[in-house]
């Protein structure tokens, strides 16, 4: 008969979320996650299965806490203008919170997008770029 979870799942996910936000996905080791979550390796693999699945759970947790506050601020205002102001105020208040890590949203997808943009920019040969620039300056476009 399998045993139930003997650790506080919500606290473990909250701790892992903070660690991922602070160090990013690829810079966070499993050992650091286990220490922050206060669980053993067996419990981790029996409950969560992998670091990737934990990261997805952390994203859900982030959306349910921080994202929900932002959406509530945006939708509870009487006008669009007031809603945008409330949203920005909420974001700035969350960023000023001392519990919030200074390195936010280090996500592998963002790094991938940055690499793709860099590769795309390298594909244009310099001569073609220079000719295009001359054409634009000559015609004022």
N, C-alpha and C. Protein backbone atom coordinates (compact mmCIF):
# COMPACT_ATOMS: atom_id res chain seq x y z
N UNK A 1 0.85 -1.17 0.00
CA UNK A 1 0.00 0.00 0.00
C UNK A 1 0.90 1.24 0.00
N UNK A 2 0.75 2.13 -1.00
CA UNK A 2 1.62 3.31 -1.07
C UNK A 2 1.30 4.32 0.02
N UNK A 3 2.36 4.96 0.49
CA UNK A 3 2.17 5.99 1.50
C UNK A 3 1.78 7.30 0.83
N UNK A 4 1.14 8.18 1.58
CA UNK A 4 0.78 9.49 1.07
C UNK A 4 1.98 10.44 1.15
N UNK A 5 1.80 11.62 0.67
CA UNK A 5 2.86 12.62 0.70
C UNK A 5 3.08 13.05 2.15
N UNK A 6 4.33 13.01 2.58
CA UNK A 6 4.64 13.35 3.97
C UNK A 6 5.26 14.74 4.11
N UNK A 7 5.29 15.50 3.05
CA UNK A 7 5.81 16.87 3.12
C UNK A 7 4.75 17.83 2.63
N UNK A 8 4.93 19.11 2.95
CA UNK A 8 3.97 20.13 2.53
C UNK A 8 4.24 20.47 1.06
N UNK A 9 3.39 19.96 0.20
CA UNK A 9 3.57 20.10 -1.24
C UNK A 9 3.58 21.57 -1.67
N UNK A 10 2.66 22.38 -1.15
CA UNK A 10 2.57 23.79 -1.53
C UNK A 10 3.82 24.57 -1.14
N UNK A 11 4.33 24.31 0.09
CA UNK A 11 5.55 24.98 0.53
C UNK A 11 6.74 24.55 -0.32
N UNK A 12 6.78 23.28 -0.68
CA UNK A 12 7.88 22.78 -1.50
C UNK A 12 7.86 23.43 -2.88
N UNK A 13 6.69 23.55 -3.48
CA UNK A 13 6.56 24.18 -4.80
C UNK A 13 6.90 25.67 -4.71
N UNK A 14 6.45 26.32 -3.65
CA UNK A 14 6.75 27.75 -3.48
C UNK A 14 8.26 27.97 -3.34
N UNK A 15 8.93 27.11 -2.58
CA UNK A 15 10.38 27.23 -2.43
C UNK A 15 11.11 26.99 -3.73
N UNK A 16 10.67 25.97 -4.49
CA UNK A 16 11.29 25.68 -5.78
C UNK A 16 11.05 26.83 -6.76
N UNK A 17 9.87 27.43 -6.71
CA UNK A 17 9.57 28.57 -7.59
C UNK A 17 10.53 29.71 -7.32
N UNK A 18 10.76 30.02 -6.05
CA UNK A 18 11.70 31.09 -5.70
C UNK A 18 13.11 30.77 -6.20
N UNK A 19 13.50 29.52 -6.06
CA UNK A 19 14.85 29.13 -6.50
C UNK A 19 14.98 29.22 -8.02
N UNK A 20 13.98 28.77 -8.75
CA UNK A 20 14.01 28.89 -10.20
C UNK A 20 14.04 30.36 -10.63
N UNK A 21 13.28 31.19 -9.94
CA UNK A 21 13.26 32.62 -10.29
C UNK A 21 14.60 33.28 -10.00
N UNK A 22 15.27 32.81 -8.98
CA UNK A 22 16.54 33.42 -8.60
C UNK A 22 17.69 32.99 -9.50
N UNK A 23 17.75 31.68 -9.82
CA UNK A 23 18.91 31.15 -10.55
C UNK A 23 18.61 30.75 -11.99
N UNK A 24 17.34 30.64 -12.35
CA UNK A 24 17.00 30.16 -13.68
C UNK A 24 16.93 28.65 -13.71
N UNK A 25 16.34 28.12 -14.76
CA UNK A 25 16.13 26.67 -14.86
C UNK A 25 17.45 25.91 -14.94
N UNK A 26 18.31 26.31 -15.86
CA UNK A 26 19.52 25.53 -16.10
C UNK A 26 20.57 25.71 -15.01
N UNK A 27 20.52 26.80 -14.26
CA UNK A 27 21.50 27.02 -13.19
C UNK A 27 21.02 26.49 -11.84
N UNK A 28 19.87 25.88 -11.79
CA UNK A 28 19.35 25.33 -10.55
C UNK A 28 19.61 23.83 -10.53
N UNK A 29 20.36 23.39 -9.56
CA UNK A 29 20.68 21.96 -9.47
C UNK A 29 19.59 21.21 -8.71
N UNK A 30 19.53 19.92 -8.94
CA UNK A 30 18.57 19.09 -8.23
C UNK A 30 18.87 19.09 -6.74
N UNK A 31 20.13 19.08 -6.40
CA UNK A 31 20.53 19.08 -4.98
C UNK A 31 20.00 20.35 -4.28
N UNK A 32 20.13 21.51 -4.95
CA UNK A 32 19.63 22.77 -4.37
C UNK A 32 18.10 22.73 -4.24
N UNK A 33 17.44 22.15 -5.23
CA UNK A 33 15.98 22.03 -5.17
C UNK A 33 15.54 21.16 -4.00
N UNK A 34 16.22 20.03 -3.83
CA UNK A 34 15.87 19.12 -2.73
C UNK A 34 16.08 19.80 -1.38
N UNK A 35 17.14 20.60 -1.27
CA UNK A 35 17.42 21.29 -0.01
C UNK A 35 16.35 22.33 0.29
N UNK A 36 15.97 23.12 -0.72
CA UNK A 36 14.95 24.16 -0.52
C UNK A 36 13.58 23.54 -0.26
N UNK A 37 13.28 22.45 -0.96
CA UNK A 37 11.98 21.81 -0.80
C UNK A 37 11.91 20.96 0.47
N UNK A 38 13.07 20.68 1.07
CA UNK A 38 13.15 19.88 2.29
C UNK A 38 12.55 18.49 2.11
N UNK A 39 12.94 17.85 1.00
CA UNK A 39 12.50 16.49 0.73
C UNK A 39 13.69 15.66 0.26
N UNK A 40 13.53 14.36 0.30
CA UNK A 40 14.57 13.46 -0.17
C UNK A 40 14.44 13.19 -1.66
N UNK A 41 15.47 12.60 -2.22
CA UNK A 41 15.48 12.32 -3.65
C UNK A 41 14.38 11.32 -4.03
N UNK A 42 14.16 10.33 -3.18
CA UNK A 42 13.11 9.34 -3.45
C UNK A 42 11.73 9.98 -3.49
N UNK A 43 11.45 10.85 -2.51
CA UNK A 43 10.17 11.56 -2.48
C UNK A 43 10.00 12.44 -3.71
N UNK A 44 11.10 13.06 -4.11
CA UNK A 44 11.05 13.93 -5.29
C UNK A 44 10.65 13.13 -6.52
N UNK A 45 11.35 12.03 -6.78
CA UNK A 45 11.06 11.25 -7.98
C UNK A 45 9.73 10.51 -7.90
N UNK A 46 9.30 10.11 -6.71
CA UNK A 46 8.01 9.45 -6.58
C UNK A 46 6.85 10.43 -6.77
N UNK A 47 7.03 11.67 -6.33
CA UNK A 47 5.94 12.64 -6.38
C UNK A 47 5.96 13.48 -7.65
N UNK A 48 7.11 14.04 -7.97
CA UNK A 48 7.19 15.02 -9.05
C UNK A 48 7.74 14.42 -10.34
N UNK A 49 8.55 13.43 -10.26
CA UNK A 49 9.10 12.68 -11.37
C UNK A 49 10.36 13.28 -12.00
N UNK A 50 10.40 14.60 -12.30
CA UNK A 50 11.57 15.17 -12.96
C UNK A 50 11.67 16.66 -12.69
N UNK A 51 12.83 17.21 -12.98
CA UNK A 51 13.05 18.64 -12.81
C UNK A 51 12.16 19.44 -13.77
N UNK A 52 11.98 18.91 -14.95
CA UNK A 52 11.13 19.59 -15.94
C UNK A 52 9.68 19.68 -15.47
N UNK A 53 9.17 18.58 -14.93
CA UNK A 53 7.79 18.59 -14.42
C UNK A 53 7.67 19.52 -13.22
N UNK A 54 8.71 19.57 -12.38
CA UNK A 54 8.70 20.50 -11.26
C UNK A 54 8.66 21.94 -11.77
N UNK A 55 9.43 22.22 -12.80
CA UNK A 55 9.44 23.57 -13.38
C UNK A 55 8.05 23.94 -13.89
N UNK A 56 7.39 23.01 -14.54
CA UNK A 56 6.03 23.28 -15.02
C UNK A 56 5.07 23.51 -13.86
N UNK A 57 5.22 22.75 -12.78
CA UNK A 57 4.40 22.97 -11.59
C UNK A 57 4.68 24.35 -10.99
N UNK A 58 5.93 24.76 -11.01
CA UNK A 58 6.30 26.08 -10.50
C UNK A 58 5.70 27.19 -11.35
N UNK A 59 5.66 26.98 -12.66
CA UNK A 59 5.02 27.97 -13.54
C UNK A 59 3.53 28.08 -13.23
N UNK A 60 2.89 26.94 -12.98
CA UNK A 60 1.47 26.96 -12.59
C UNK A 60 1.29 27.71 -11.27
N UNK A 61 2.17 27.43 -10.32
CA UNK A 61 2.11 28.11 -9.02
C UNK A 61 2.30 29.61 -9.19
N UNK A 62 3.27 30.00 -10.00
CA UNK A 62 3.52 31.42 -10.25
C UNK A 62 2.30 32.08 -10.87
N UNK A 63 1.69 31.40 -11.83
CA UNK A 63 0.50 31.94 -12.48
C UNK A 63 -0.66 32.06 -11.50
N UNK A 64 -0.80 31.09 -10.61
CA UNK A 64 -1.90 31.11 -9.65
C UNK A 64 -1.72 32.18 -8.57
N UNK A 65 -0.50 32.57 -8.29
CA UNK A 65 -0.27 33.56 -7.24
C UNK A 65 -0.01 34.94 -7.85
N UNK A 66 1.11 35.13 -8.45
CA UNK A 66 1.49 36.44 -8.99
C UNK A 66 0.61 36.83 -10.17
N UNK A 67 0.41 35.91 -11.09
CA UNK A 67 -0.41 36.20 -12.26
C UNK A 67 -1.84 36.54 -11.91
N UNK A 68 -2.38 35.83 -10.93
CA UNK A 68 -3.77 36.09 -10.52
C UNK A 68 -3.91 37.49 -9.90
N UNK A 69 -2.92 37.91 -9.12
CA UNK A 69 -2.97 39.26 -8.56
C UNK A 69 -2.97 40.32 -9.66
N UNK A 70 -2.15 40.09 -10.68
CA UNK A 70 -2.05 41.06 -11.78
C UNK A 70 -3.34 41.11 -12.58
N UNK A 71 -3.91 39.97 -12.87
CA UNK A 71 -5.18 39.93 -13.62
C UNK A 71 -6.30 40.57 -12.80
N UNK A 72 -6.33 40.31 -11.50
CA UNK A 72 -7.36 40.91 -10.65
C UNK A 72 -7.23 42.43 -10.64
N UNK A 73 -6.01 42.93 -10.59
CA UNK A 73 -5.81 44.38 -10.61
C UNK A 73 -6.29 44.98 -11.93
N UNK A 74 -6.02 44.28 -13.01
CA UNK A 74 -6.40 44.78 -14.33
C UNK A 74 -7.91 44.76 -14.53
N UNK A 75 -8.57 43.70 -14.10
CA UNK A 75 -10.00 43.55 -14.39
C UNK A 75 -10.93 44.16 -13.36
N UNK A 76 -10.41 44.51 -12.19
CA UNK A 76 -11.30 45.04 -11.15
C UNK A 76 -11.51 46.55 -11.25
N UNK A 77 -10.76 47.22 -12.08
CA UNK A 77 -10.88 48.68 -12.20
C UNK A 77 -12.10 49.04 -13.04
N UNK A 78 -12.64 50.25 -12.79
CA UNK A 78 -13.85 50.66 -13.52
C UNK A 78 -13.62 51.00 -14.99
N UNK A 79 -12.40 51.38 -15.36
CA UNK A 79 -12.11 51.72 -16.75
C UNK A 79 -10.82 51.05 -17.20
N UNK A 80 -10.59 51.07 -18.49
CA UNK A 80 -9.38 50.46 -19.03
C UNK A 80 -8.15 51.20 -18.52
N UNK A 81 -8.23 52.51 -18.54
CA UNK A 81 -7.10 53.34 -18.10
C UNK A 81 -6.76 53.05 -16.63
N UNK A 82 -7.78 52.99 -15.79
CA UNK A 82 -7.56 52.69 -14.37
C UNK A 82 -7.06 51.26 -14.19
N UNK A 83 -7.54 50.35 -15.03
CA UNK A 83 -7.08 48.97 -14.96
C UNK A 83 -5.61 48.81 -15.30
N UNK A 84 -5.16 49.51 -16.33
CA UNK A 84 -3.74 49.47 -16.71
C UNK A 84 -2.89 50.08 -15.61
N UNK A 85 -3.36 51.19 -15.04
CA UNK A 85 -2.62 51.80 -13.93
C UNK A 85 -2.53 50.85 -12.74
N UNK A 86 -3.63 50.20 -12.42
CA UNK A 86 -3.64 49.26 -11.30
C UNK A 86 -2.71 48.08 -11.58
N UNK A 87 -2.70 47.60 -12.81
CA UNK A 87 -1.80 46.51 -13.19
C UNK A 87 -0.35 46.92 -13.02
N UNK A 88 0.01 48.08 -13.53
CA UNK A 88 1.40 48.55 -13.42
C UNK A 88 1.78 48.78 -11.96
N UNK A 89 0.85 49.31 -11.18
CA UNK A 89 1.12 49.52 -9.75
C UNK A 89 1.37 48.18 -9.05
N UNK A 90 0.57 47.18 -9.40
CA UNK A 90 0.73 45.84 -8.81
C UNK A 90 2.07 45.23 -9.20
N UNK A 91 2.44 45.34 -10.46
CA UNK A 91 3.73 44.81 -10.92
C UNK A 91 4.88 45.49 -10.18
N UNK A 92 4.83 46.81 -10.06
CA UNK A 92 5.90 47.53 -9.37
C UNK A 92 5.94 47.18 -7.88
N UNK A 93 4.78 47.02 -7.27
CA UNK A 93 4.75 46.62 -5.86
C UNK A 93 5.35 45.23 -5.68
N UNK A 94 5.05 44.32 -6.60
CA UNK A 94 5.61 42.98 -6.51
C UNK A 94 7.13 43.01 -6.70
N UNK A 95 7.60 43.87 -7.58
CA UNK A 95 9.05 43.98 -7.80
C UNK A 95 9.75 44.61 -6.60
N UNK A 96 9.07 45.50 -5.89
CA UNK A 96 9.65 46.13 -4.70
C UNK A 96 9.63 45.22 -3.49
N UNK A 97 8.88 44.15 -3.56
CA UNK A 97 8.78 43.20 -2.45
C UNK A 97 10.15 42.57 -2.19
N UNK A 98 10.66 42.65 -0.95
CA UNK A 98 11.99 42.09 -0.66
C UNK A 98 12.07 40.58 -0.85
N UNK A 99 10.95 39.88 -0.85
CA UNK A 99 10.96 38.43 -1.06
C UNK A 99 11.17 38.07 -2.53
N UNK A 100 10.99 39.05 -3.42
CA UNK A 100 11.12 38.78 -4.84
C UNK A 100 12.59 38.81 -5.23
N UNK A 101 13.07 37.77 -5.89
CA UNK A 101 14.46 37.77 -6.35
C UNK A 101 14.70 38.87 -7.38
N UNK A 102 15.91 39.34 -7.48
CA UNK A 102 16.22 40.42 -8.39
C UNK A 102 16.32 39.96 -9.84
N UNK A 103 16.61 38.69 -10.06
CA UNK A 103 16.72 38.16 -11.42
C UNK A 103 15.41 37.45 -11.73
N UNK A 104 14.52 38.14 -12.42
CA UNK A 104 13.19 37.59 -12.67
C UNK A 104 13.12 36.86 -13.99
N UNK A 105 12.29 35.85 -14.01
CA UNK A 105 11.87 35.18 -15.24
C UNK A 105 13.02 34.74 -16.13
N UNK A 106 14.03 34.11 -15.54
CA UNK A 106 15.08 33.51 -16.36
C UNK A 106 14.54 32.19 -16.86
N UNK A 107 14.12 32.21 -18.07
CA UNK A 107 13.43 31.07 -18.64
C UNK A 107 14.22 30.51 -19.81
N UNK A 108 14.32 29.20 -19.95
CA UNK A 108 15.05 28.64 -21.09
C UNK A 108 14.47 29.09 -22.42
N UNK A 109 13.15 29.30 -22.48
CA UNK A 109 12.53 29.73 -23.74
C UNK A 109 13.02 31.11 -24.14
N UNK A 110 13.20 32.01 -23.18
CA UNK A 110 13.71 33.34 -23.50
C UNK A 110 15.12 33.26 -24.07
N UNK A 111 15.94 32.42 -23.51
CA UNK A 111 17.30 32.25 -24.02
C UNK A 111 17.26 31.70 -25.44
N UNK A 112 16.35 30.77 -25.69
CA UNK A 112 16.20 30.19 -27.02
C UNK A 112 15.77 31.25 -28.02
N UNK A 113 14.82 32.10 -27.65
CA UNK A 113 14.36 33.17 -28.54
C UNK A 113 15.50 34.14 -28.83
N UNK A 114 16.28 34.48 -27.82
CA UNK A 114 17.41 35.38 -28.03
C UNK A 114 18.42 34.76 -28.99
N UNK A 115 18.69 33.45 -28.86
CA UNK A 115 19.61 32.78 -29.77
C UNK A 115 19.08 32.80 -31.20
N UNK A 116 17.79 32.55 -31.36
CA UNK A 116 17.18 32.54 -32.70
C UNK A 116 17.29 33.92 -33.32
N UNK A 117 17.01 34.97 -32.54
CA UNK A 117 17.12 36.33 -33.08
C UNK A 117 18.55 36.64 -33.49
N UNK A 118 19.50 36.22 -32.69
CA UNK A 118 20.90 36.46 -33.01
C UNK A 118 21.28 35.74 -34.30
N UNK A 119 20.87 34.47 -34.43
CA UNK A 119 21.17 33.71 -35.63
C UNK A 119 20.51 34.34 -36.86
N UNK A 120 19.30 34.81 -36.71
CA UNK A 120 18.59 35.44 -37.81
C UNK A 120 19.33 36.70 -38.27
N UNK A 121 19.84 37.47 -37.31
CA UNK A 121 20.58 38.69 -37.66
C UNK A 121 21.90 38.37 -38.36
N UNK A 122 22.51 37.24 -38.05
CA UNK A 122 23.77 36.87 -38.67
C UNK A 122 23.59 36.39 -40.11
N UNK A 123 22.40 35.95 -40.46
CA UNK A 123 22.17 35.41 -41.79
C UNK A 123 22.28 36.46 -42.89
N UNK A 124 22.00 37.71 -42.59
CA UNK A 124 22.05 38.76 -43.60
C UNK A 124 23.51 39.11 -43.85
N UNK A 125 24.00 38.89 -45.08
CA UNK A 125 25.38 39.25 -45.36
C UNK A 125 25.59 40.75 -45.20
N UNK A 126 26.79 41.11 -44.81
CA UNK A 126 27.09 42.51 -44.54
C UNK A 126 26.89 43.36 -45.80
N UNK A 127 27.31 42.88 -46.95
CA UNK A 127 27.18 43.66 -48.19
C UNK A 127 25.71 43.93 -48.51
N UNK A 128 24.85 42.94 -48.33
CA UNK A 128 23.42 43.14 -48.59
C UNK A 128 22.84 44.13 -47.60
N UNK A 129 23.25 44.04 -46.35
CA UNK A 129 22.78 44.98 -45.34
C UNK A 129 23.22 46.41 -45.69
N UNK A 130 24.47 46.53 -46.11
CA UNK A 130 25.00 47.86 -46.45
C UNK A 130 24.29 48.43 -47.67
N UNK A 131 24.03 47.62 -48.68
CA UNK A 131 23.31 48.09 -49.87
C UNK A 131 21.90 48.52 -49.50
N UNK A 132 21.26 47.77 -48.64
CA UNK A 132 19.91 48.11 -48.20
C UNK A 132 19.92 49.44 -47.44
N UNK A 133 20.94 49.66 -46.62
CA UNK A 133 21.05 50.89 -45.86
C UNK A 133 21.25 52.09 -46.79
N UNK A 134 22.09 51.91 -47.82
CA UNK A 134 22.31 53.00 -48.80
C UNK A 134 21.02 53.33 -49.53
N UNK A 135 20.30 52.30 -49.95
CA UNK A 135 19.05 52.52 -50.67
C UNK A 135 18.07 53.29 -49.79
N UNK A 136 17.98 52.92 -48.51
CA UNK A 136 17.06 53.61 -47.60
C UNK A 136 17.46 55.05 -47.40
N UNK A 137 18.76 55.32 -47.25
CA UNK A 137 19.18 56.71 -47.00
C UNK A 137 19.01 57.55 -48.27
N UNK A 138 19.19 56.95 -49.47
CA UNK A 138 19.05 57.70 -50.70
C UNK A 138 17.60 58.09 -50.95
N UNK A 139 16.67 57.18 -50.64
CA UNK A 139 15.28 57.44 -50.90
C UNK A 139 14.53 57.98 -49.68
N UNK A 140 15.22 58.06 -48.56
CA UNK A 140 14.61 58.63 -47.36
C UNK A 140 13.55 57.74 -46.72
N UNK A 141 13.65 56.45 -46.90
CA UNK A 141 12.66 55.55 -46.29
C UNK A 141 13.28 54.78 -45.18
